Amino acid sequence: MESLASKERTAWLQKQLRAFGSVTLAEAAEQLEVSEMTIRRDLQTLVTAGYARRVRGGAISTSPVSFAGRDRSRSEEKLAIARKLVRLVPRRGLIAFDSSSTMFRVATLVQSADDLMVLTNSVETLGALRDKPGIVPMLTGGRFDERSDSLVGPAAVRTAQSMTFDLFFASATSLHASAGAFESTEEEAAVKTALLGSSSRLVLGVDVAKLGRRAAFSSFPMDRISILSTELDPEDPRLSDFRSVPNTTFI
């Protein structure tokens, strides 16, 4: 039978995963004052239960993660992607941003526009675009999902379906070369699918840790991705599985 100490450690690890999206063996072992081997066993309990996925040096959450947690995870890689994508933000027109922390970074880098309207289901991204010259940020409305800090639900979907976007800037929980992009919640996937259906082109930014994986709910098919950006050089061999996708530009 599982000891009380083991239950407490597992609860702590699950709380860390829910709040920050990931946990390392070294950090957890130090905080809980046990060996890394003990943490490995505890994490395996969460993996078996479907709450986590093991990665080198620790584990990442398979459940929705708060904005703060997503923003903290792989921040340098996300900033590198944002610096590539900000050049694609037009000076005018109507575009959409999803609620990802990667697109939040793009929003923080945008300085101004001439006559640009931006719809998003992220309160953080709305705040990043407020008061910038020539930009009118708008929220989808909808129900606030406390798991992911996103606006979701039928109202958000209806708003997304009622407009026509020149570009949709988005990220994903995971991206598989044949199966496409995935999200950890059905509600988030529904909003992204609706935004995609109203958009002429999809600009997807994902860091390499998300490549080659699947999550619970499908959002984008690969053939709808017009531009795919990672923190890597476009010719990096780690992107080779994705090069067969037609009509996709890598940056």
Protein backbone atom coordinates (compact mmCIF):
# COMPACT_ATOMS: atom_id res chain seq x y z
CA MET A 1 0.00 0.00 0.00
CA GLU A 2 1.19 3.51 -0.80
CA SER A 3 2.61 5.29 2.22
CA LEU A 4 1.31 8.66 3.44
CA ALA A 5 4.67 10.23 2.57
CA SER A 6 4.39 8.95 -0.99
CA LYS A 7 0.84 10.29 -1.28
CA GLU A 8 1.99 13.70 -0.09
CA ARG A 9 4.86 13.75 -2.57
CA THR A 10 2.58 12.74 -5.42
CA ALA A 11 0.10 15.48 -4.48
CA TRP A 12 2.94 18.04 -4.41
CA LEU A 13 4.18 16.92 -7.82
CA GLN A 14 0.67 17.07 -9.28
CA LYS A 15 0.22 20.59 -7.90
CA GLN A 16 3.51 21.67 -9.49
CA LEU A 17 2.50 20.20 -12.84
CA ARG A 18 -0.88 21.90 -12.73
CA ALA A 19 0.61 25.28 -11.82
CA PHE A 20 3.74 25.33 -13.98
CA GLY A 21 3.29 22.65 -16.62
CA SER A 22 6.50 20.79 -15.78
CA VAL A 23 8.70 19.57 -12.94
CA THR A 24 12.34 18.49 -12.84
CA LEU A 25 13.76 15.57 -10.90
CA ALA A 26 16.48 17.71 -9.34
CA GLU A 27 14.14 20.47 -8.18
CA ALA A 28 11.57 18.04 -6.77
CA ALA A 29 14.19 15.93 -5.00
CA GLU A 30 15.64 19.04 -3.35
CA GLN A 31 12.26 20.44 -2.31
CA LEU A 32 10.96 17.14 -0.95
CA GLU A 33 14.31 16.03 0.51
CA VAL A 34 14.33 12.62 -1.16
CA SER A 35 16.40 11.00 -3.89
CA GLU A 36 15.80 11.54 -7.61
CA MET A 37 15.07 7.80 -7.87
CA THR A 38 12.19 8.27 -5.42
CA ILE A 39 10.85 11.16 -7.50
CA ARG A 40 11.05 9.00 -10.63
CA ARG A 41 8.82 6.42 -8.97
CA ASP A 42 6.36 9.08 -7.82
CA LEU A 43 6.21 10.62 -11.29
CA GLN A 44 5.57 7.19 -12.79
CA THR A 45 2.43 7.03 -10.63
CA LEU A 46 1.21 10.25 -12.26
CA VAL A 47 2.20 9.02 -15.73
CA THR A 48 0.24 5.80 -15.21
CA ALA A 49 -2.78 7.83 -14.08
CA GLY A 50 -2.55 10.03 -17.18
CA TYR A 51 -1.62 13.27 -15.41
CA ALA A 52 1.92 13.57 -16.76
CA ARG A 53 4.32 12.50 -19.49
CA ARG A 54 7.95 11.72 -18.70
CA VAL A 55 10.63 13.75 -20.44
CA ARG A 56 14.37 13.84 -19.92
CA GLY A 57 15.10 15.15 -16.45
CA GLY A 58 11.50 15.26 -15.23
CA ALA A 59 7.93 15.35 -16.49
CA ILE A 60 5.41 17.63 -18.17
CA SER A 61 1.69 17.94 -17.57
CA THR A 62 -0.85 16.33 -19.87
CA SER A 63 -3.63 18.42 -18.30
CA PRO A 64 -4.48 22.11 -18.83
CA VAL A 65 -1.88 24.49 -17.42
CA SER A 66 -2.42 28.02 -16.14
CA PHE A 67 -1.17 30.95 -18.18
CA ALA A 68 1.52 31.64 -15.58
CA GLY A 69 2.72 28.07 -15.81
CA ARG A 70 2.80 28.09 -19.60
CA ASP A 71 4.52 31.46 -19.63
CA ARG A 72 7.26 30.16 -17.33
CA SER A 73 7.91 27.02 -19.38
CA ARG A 74 10.55 27.22 -22.17
CA SER A 75 10.40 31.00 -22.12
CA GLU A 76 13.59 31.55 -24.15
CA GLU A 77 12.37 29.28 -26.94
CA LYS A 78 9.00 31.03 -27.05
CA LEU A 79 10.67 34.43 -27.24
CA ALA A 80 12.80 33.24 -30.16
CA ILE A 81 9.64 32.14 -31.98
CA ALA A 82 7.88 35.42 -31.18
CA ARG A 83 10.75 37.43 -32.65
CA LYS A 84 10.28 35.56 -35.92
CA LEU A 85 6.50 35.88 -35.98
CA VAL A 86 6.18 39.55 -35.04
CA ARG A 87 7.51 40.41 -38.52
CA LEU A 88 4.39 38.77 -39.99
CA VAL A 89 1.87 40.88 -38.07
CA PRO A 90 0.29 43.21 -40.65
CA ARG A 91 -0.12 46.96 -40.27
CA ARG A 92 -3.84 46.82 -41.01
CA GLY A 93 -6.71 44.36 -41.32
CA LEU A 94 -8.32 41.83 -38.97
CA ILE A 95 -6.30 39.03 -37.38
CA ALA A 96 -6.70 36.61 -34.47
CA PHE A 97 -4.40 35.46 -31.67
CA ASP A 98 -5.06 32.37 -29.60
CA SER A 99 -4.55 32.26 -25.82
CA SER A 100 -1.08 30.71 -25.89
CA SER A 101 1.84 32.23 -24.01
CA THR A 102 3.82 32.15 -27.27
CA MET A 103 1.34 34.47 -28.99
CA PHE A 104 1.24 36.62 -25.87
CA ARG A 105 4.94 37.18 -26.45
CA VAL A 106 4.25 38.17 -30.06
CA ALA A 107 1.68 40.68 -28.79
CA THR A 108 4.20 42.22 -26.40
CA LEU A 109 6.66 42.74 -29.28
CA VAL A 110 4.18 44.49 -31.57
CA GLN A 111 4.83 48.23 -31.28
CA SER A 112 2.15 49.83 -33.43
CA ALA A 113 0.02 49.50 -36.56
CA ASP A 114 -2.03 51.70 -38.88
CA ASP A 115 -5.50 50.17 -38.60
CA LEU A 116 -5.25 46.67 -37.14
CA MET A 117 -7.99 44.81 -35.24
CA VAL A 118 -6.98 41.76 -33.20
CA LEU A 119 -9.41 39.23 -31.72
CA THR A 120 -8.17 36.95 -28.95
CA ASN A 121 -9.54 34.66 -26.27
CA SER A 122 -6.72 35.66 -23.90
CA VAL A 123 -7.10 38.44 -21.34
CA GLU A 124 -3.30 38.62 -21.05
CA THR A 125 -2.88 39.14 -24.80
CA LEU A 126 -5.59 41.79 -24.80
CA GLY A 127 -3.69 43.61 -22.07
CA ALA A 128 -0.43 43.40 -24.02
CA LEU A 129 -2.06 45.07 -27.05
CA ARG A 130 -3.98 47.78 -25.19
CA ASP A 131 -2.98 51.40 -25.81
CA LYS A 132 -0.69 50.54 -28.71
CA PRO A 133 -1.11 53.05 -31.56
CA GLY A 134 -3.26 51.87 -34.45
CA ILE A 135 -4.32 48.60 -32.78
CA VAL A 136 -7.82 47.70 -31.59
CA PRO A 137 -7.76 44.54 -29.45
CA MET A 138 -10.99 42.62 -28.86
CA LEU A 139 -12.00 39.65 -26.69
CA THR A 140 -14.06 36.74 -27.92
CA GLY A 141 -16.11 36.72 -24.76
CA GLY A 142 -17.17 33.39 -23.35
CA ARG A 143 -16.61 31.44 -20.15
CA PHE A 144 -13.34 31.91 -18.27
CA ASP A 145 -11.63 28.53 -17.95
CA GLU A 146 -9.72 28.60 -14.66
CA ARG A 147 -7.64 25.61 -15.74
CA SER A 148 -6.00 27.44 -18.65
CA ASP A 149 -6.95 31.11 -18.07
CA SER A 150 -8.61 31.15 -21.52
CA LEU A 151 -12.03 32.27 -22.70
CA VAL A 152 -13.89 29.29 -24.12
CA GLY A 153 -17.41 27.96 -24.68
CA PRO A 154 -20.24 28.61 -27.16
CA ALA A 155 -20.03 32.41 -26.93
CA ALA A 156 -16.31 32.41 -27.79
CA VAL A 157 -16.94 30.00 -30.67
CA ARG A 158 -19.79 32.13 -32.05
CA THR A 159 -17.65 35.26 -32.00
CA ALA A 160 -14.84 33.44 -33.81
CA GLN A 161 -17.27 32.19 -36.45
CA SER A 162 -18.81 35.62 -37.03
CA MET A 163 -15.64 37.26 -38.38
CA THR A 164 -13.21 36.78 -41.25
CA PHE A 165 -9.51 36.94 -40.40
CA ASP A 166 -6.55 37.56 -42.68
CA LEU A 167 -4.23 35.60 -40.37
CA PHE A 168 -4.65 33.43 -37.31
CA PHE A 169 -1.59 33.32 -35.03
CA ALA A 170 -1.63 30.25 -32.80
CA SER A 171 0.36 27.68 -30.90
CA ALA A 172 -0.61 24.16 -29.80
CA THR A 173 -0.17 21.72 -26.93
CA SER A 174 1.48 19.30 -29.34
CA LEU A 175 2.08 18.83 -33.06
CA HIS A 176 2.31 15.54 -34.95
CA ALA A 177 3.59 15.40 -38.53
CA SER A 178 0.69 13.30 -39.81
CA ALA A 179 -2.09 13.90 -37.27
CA GLY A 180 -1.77 17.69 -36.89
CA ALA A 181 -2.10 19.91 -33.82
CA PHE A 182 -3.70 19.02 -30.51
CA GLU A 183 -4.98 20.69 -27.32
CA SER A 184 -5.42 19.36 -23.80
CA THR A 185 -9.06 20.46 -23.49
CA GLU A 186 -12.01 20.04 -25.82
CA GLU A 187 -13.15 23.62 -25.16
CA GLU A 188 -9.83 25.17 -26.20
CA ALA A 189 -9.70 22.99 -29.31
CA ALA A 190 -13.21 24.13 -30.26
CA VAL A 191 -12.30 27.82 -30.08
CA LYS A 192 -9.14 27.29 -32.13
CA THR A 193 -11.01 25.24 -34.71
CA ALA A 194 -13.59 28.02 -35.04
CA LEU A 195 -10.89 30.69 -35.44
CA LEU A 196 -9.16 28.56 -38.07
CA GLY A 197 -12.41 28.12 -39.99
CA SER A 198 -12.77 31.90 -40.23
CA SER A 199 -9.14 32.55 -41.25
CA SER A 200 -7.44 32.73 -44.62
CA ARG A 201 -4.08 31.57 -43.28
CA LEU A 202 -2.76 29.90 -40.13
CA VAL A 203 0.58 30.90 -38.60
CA LEU A 204 1.61 28.27 -36.06
CA GLY A 205 4.45 28.72 -33.59
CA VAL A 206 5.54 25.74 -31.48
CA ASP A 207 8.76 24.91 -29.67
CA VAL A 208 10.48 21.62 -30.46
CA ALA A 209 9.42 19.97 -27.19
CA LYS A 210 5.90 19.82 -28.63
CA LEU A 211 6.86 18.11 -31.89
CA GLY A 212 6.05 14.49 -32.62
CA ARG A 213 3.46 14.27 -29.84
CA ARG A 214 -0.32 14.04 -29.53
CA ALA A 215 -2.75 15.30 -26.90
CA ALA A 216 -6.40 14.60 -26.19
CA PHE A 217 -8.22 16.85 -28.68
CA SER A 218 -7.45 17.66 -32.31
CA SER A 219 -7.44 21.32 -33.39
CA PHE A 220 -5.60 21.88 -36.71
CA PRO A 221 -4.89 19.52 -39.61
CA MET A 222 -1.37 19.80 -40.97
CA ASP A 223 -2.50 20.91 -44.42
CA ARG A 224 -4.03 24.11 -42.98
CA ILE A 225 -0.72 25.39 -41.62
CA SER A 226 0.55 28.13 -43.93
CA ILE A 227 3.59 29.07 -41.85
CA LEU A 228 5.28 26.95 -39.20
CA SER A 229 7.81 28.48 -36.84
CA THR A 230 9.98 26.93 -34.14
CA GLU A 231 13.04 28.22 -32.31
CA LEU A 232 15.19 26.15 -34.71
CA ASP A 233 16.72 27.02 -38.02
CA PRO A 234 14.19 26.01 -40.72
CA GLU A 235 16.69 23.50 -42.13
CA ASP A 236 17.30 21.75 -38.82
CA PRO A 237 17.05 17.96 -39.24
CA ARG A 238 14.68 17.75 -36.27
CA LEU A 239 12.03 19.23 -38.58
CA SER A 240 12.51 16.61 -41.29
CA ASP A 241 9.28 14.73 -40.48
CA PHE A 242 7.28 17.90 -41.21
CA ARG A 243 8.87 18.81 -44.56
CA SER A 244 6.49 16.63 -46.56
CA VAL A 245 3.56 18.87 -45.61
CA PRO A 246 2.50 20.69 -48.80
CA ASN A 247 2.20 24.49 -48.99
CA THR A 248 3.77 25.09 -45.59
CA THR A 249 6.58 27.62 -45.19
CA PHE A 250 9.10 27.07 -42.36
CA ILE A 251 10.64 30.08 -40.63
